[in-house]
Amino acid sequence: MRALTAILVSLLLFTTPFASAQSPAQKKANATPEQPAQRSLPLSDSERTAAVRKDLDRMRSLLQQMQTNLAFVDTRQSALGHQFDLQIQMWQLLIDDLDHLTAAEQRAPDGATTTRGRE
């Protein structure tokens, strides 16, 4: 679970530059009201899984924005377009992997999840 948390934190840190590169119309469309401060008590497994699912939904939204932005990259800038494409593929793999891990965690709530040989 620590590895999953570390991955999520690093993903959120890396998505910040892409979120700030949105157009004003996209920012208004994706605006969410401020949420209350996080509570200091440890989360239960179901709350943690729900939080991860919420983070995954946000990551999917950001990935979709990246894919939309890729369509506007000038074709003369092929290296830049290729870099965006590689980053989109990497994020898709990571999101799919996290999806798999959370699904496995839901199937085995006692913490005995499989990690497909990664850790």
Protein backbone atom coordinates (compact mmCIF):
# COMPACT_ATOMS: atom_id res chain seq x y z
CA MET A 1 0.00 0.00 0.00
CA ARG A 2 2.94 2.33 0.62
CA ALA A 3 4.11 1.79 -2.93
CA LEU A 4 0.63 2.67 -4.21
CA THR A 5 0.58 5.84 -2.11
CA ALA A 6 4.07 6.81 -3.31
CA ILE A 7 3.02 6.30 -6.91
CA LEU A 8 -0.09 8.42 -6.46
CA VAL A 9 1.85 11.26 -4.85
CA SER A 10 4.44 11.25 -7.61
CA LEU A 11 1.71 11.18 -10.27
CA LEU A 12 -0.03 14.16 -8.77
CA LEU A 13 3.25 16.07 -8.63
CA PHE A 14 3.95 15.38 -12.29
CA THR A 15 0.46 16.36 -13.45
CA THR A 16 0.65 19.84 -11.94
CA PRO A 17 2.46 21.40 -14.94
CA PHE A 18 -0.13 19.95 -17.32
CA ALA A 19 -3.02 21.20 -15.20
CA SER A 20 -1.60 24.73 -15.20
CA ALA A 21 -1.25 24.65 -19.01
CA GLN A 22 -5.03 24.48 -19.51
CA SER A 23 -6.90 27.14 -21.37
CA PRO A 24 -9.14 29.45 -19.27
CA ALA A 25 -12.25 27.70 -20.64
CA GLN A 26 -10.90 24.29 -19.57
CA LYS A 27 -10.04 25.62 -16.13
CA LYS A 28 -13.60 26.88 -15.63
CA ALA A 29 -15.04 23.58 -16.85
CA ASN A 30 -12.86 21.57 -14.47
CA ALA A 31 -13.19 23.87 -11.46
CA THR A 32 -14.29 22.16 -8.29
CA PRO A 33 -15.32 23.77 -5.02
CA GLU A 34 -12.75 23.86 -2.25
CA GLN A 35 -12.82 20.73 -0.15
CA PRO A 36 -12.50 20.69 3.63
CA ALA A 37 -9.10 20.02 5.14
CA GLN A 38 -8.02 16.40 5.32
CA ARG A 39 -8.73 14.73 8.62
CA SER A 40 -5.82 13.52 10.68
CA LEU A 41 -7.26 10.09 11.55
CA PRO A 42 -6.06 7.15 9.46
CA LEU A 43 -8.44 6.14 6.70
CA SER A 44 -10.17 2.79 6.67
CA ASP A 45 -9.47 0.46 3.76
CA SER A 46 -12.75 1.36 2.05
CA GLU A 47 -12.08 5.10 2.49
CA ARG A 48 -8.55 4.70 1.16
CA THR A 49 -9.82 2.75 -1.84
CA ALA A 50 -12.46 5.42 -2.49
CA ALA A 51 -9.78 8.12 -2.29
CA VAL A 52 -7.58 6.22 -4.76
CA ARG A 53 -10.54 5.80 -7.11
CA LYS A 54 -11.22 9.54 -6.90
CA ASP A 55 -7.55 10.26 -7.67
CA LEU A 56 -7.69 7.84 -10.61
CA ASP A 57 -10.75 9.62 -11.99
CA ARG A 58 -8.89 12.95 -11.76
CA MET A 59 -5.85 11.40 -13.45
CA ARG A 60 -8.06 10.12 -16.28
CA SER A 61 -9.47 13.62 -16.70
CA LEU A 62 -5.97 15.09 -16.90
CA LEU A 63 -4.94 12.40 -19.36
CA GLN A 64 -7.88 13.25 -21.57
CA GLN A 65 -6.86 16.90 -21.48
CA MET A 66 -3.32 15.92 -22.48
CA GLN A 67 -4.71 13.94 -25.42
CA THR A 68 -6.85 16.92 -26.45
CA ASN A 69 -3.87 19.26 -26.21
CA LEU A 70 -1.78 16.91 -28.33
CA ALA A 71 -4.18 17.50 -31.21
CA PHE A 72 -3.20 21.19 -31.16
CA VAL A 73 0.56 20.64 -31.31
CA ASP A 74 1.98 21.91 -34.58
CA THR A 75 2.96 19.02 -36.83
CA ARG A 76 6.23 20.81 -37.60
CA GLN A 77 7.18 20.23 -33.97
CA SER A 78 7.38 16.48 -34.34
CA ALA A 79 9.77 15.96 -31.40
CA LEU A 80 7.40 17.83 -29.09
CA GLY A 81 4.41 15.90 -30.37
CA HIS A 82 6.27 12.63 -29.96
CA GLN A 83 7.21 13.57 -26.38
CA PHE A 84 3.58 14.36 -25.54
CA ASP A 85 2.52 11.05 -27.07
CA LEU A 86 5.09 9.15 -25.00
CA GLN A 87 3.95 10.88 -21.83
CA ILE A 88 0.32 10.09 -22.59
CA GLN A 89 1.21 6.43 -23.10
CA MET A 90 3.15 6.36 -19.82
CA TRP A 91 0.26 7.91 -17.89
CA GLN A 92 -2.19 5.45 -19.46
CA LEU A 93 -0.04 2.51 -18.38
CA LEU A 94 0.29 3.88 -14.87
CA ILE A 95 -3.44 4.54 -14.54
CA ASP A 96 -4.22 1.04 -15.80
CA ASP A 97 -1.76 -0.44 -13.32
CA LEU A 98 -3.24 1.50 -10.41
CA ASP A 99 -6.70 0.48 -11.54
CA HIS A 100 -5.58 -3.15 -11.47
CA LEU A 101 -4.10 -2.76 -7.99
CA THR A 102 -7.21 -1.15 -6.54
CA ALA A 103 -9.41 -3.82 -8.11
CA ALA A 104 -7.20 -6.52 -6.59
CA GLU A 105 -7.36 -4.76 -3.24
CA GLN A 106 -11.15 -4.72 -3.38
CA ARG A 107 -11.23 -8.45 -4.18
CA ALA A 108 -8.89 -9.27 -1.27
CA PRO A 109 -9.77 -6.78 1.49
CA ASP A 110 -7.54 -8.53 4.06
CA GLY A 111 -4.49 -6.89 2.44
CA ALA A 112 -3.27 -10.03 0.65
CA THR A 113 -3.14 -8.46 -2.81
CA THR A 114 -0.95 -9.49 -5.69
CA THR A 115 1.35 -6.93 -7.26
CA ARG A 116 2.27 -8.79 -10.46
CA GLY A 117 5.89 -9.04 -9.38
CA ARG A 118 6.37 -5.30 -8.82
CA GLU A 119 7.20 -3.46 -5.62
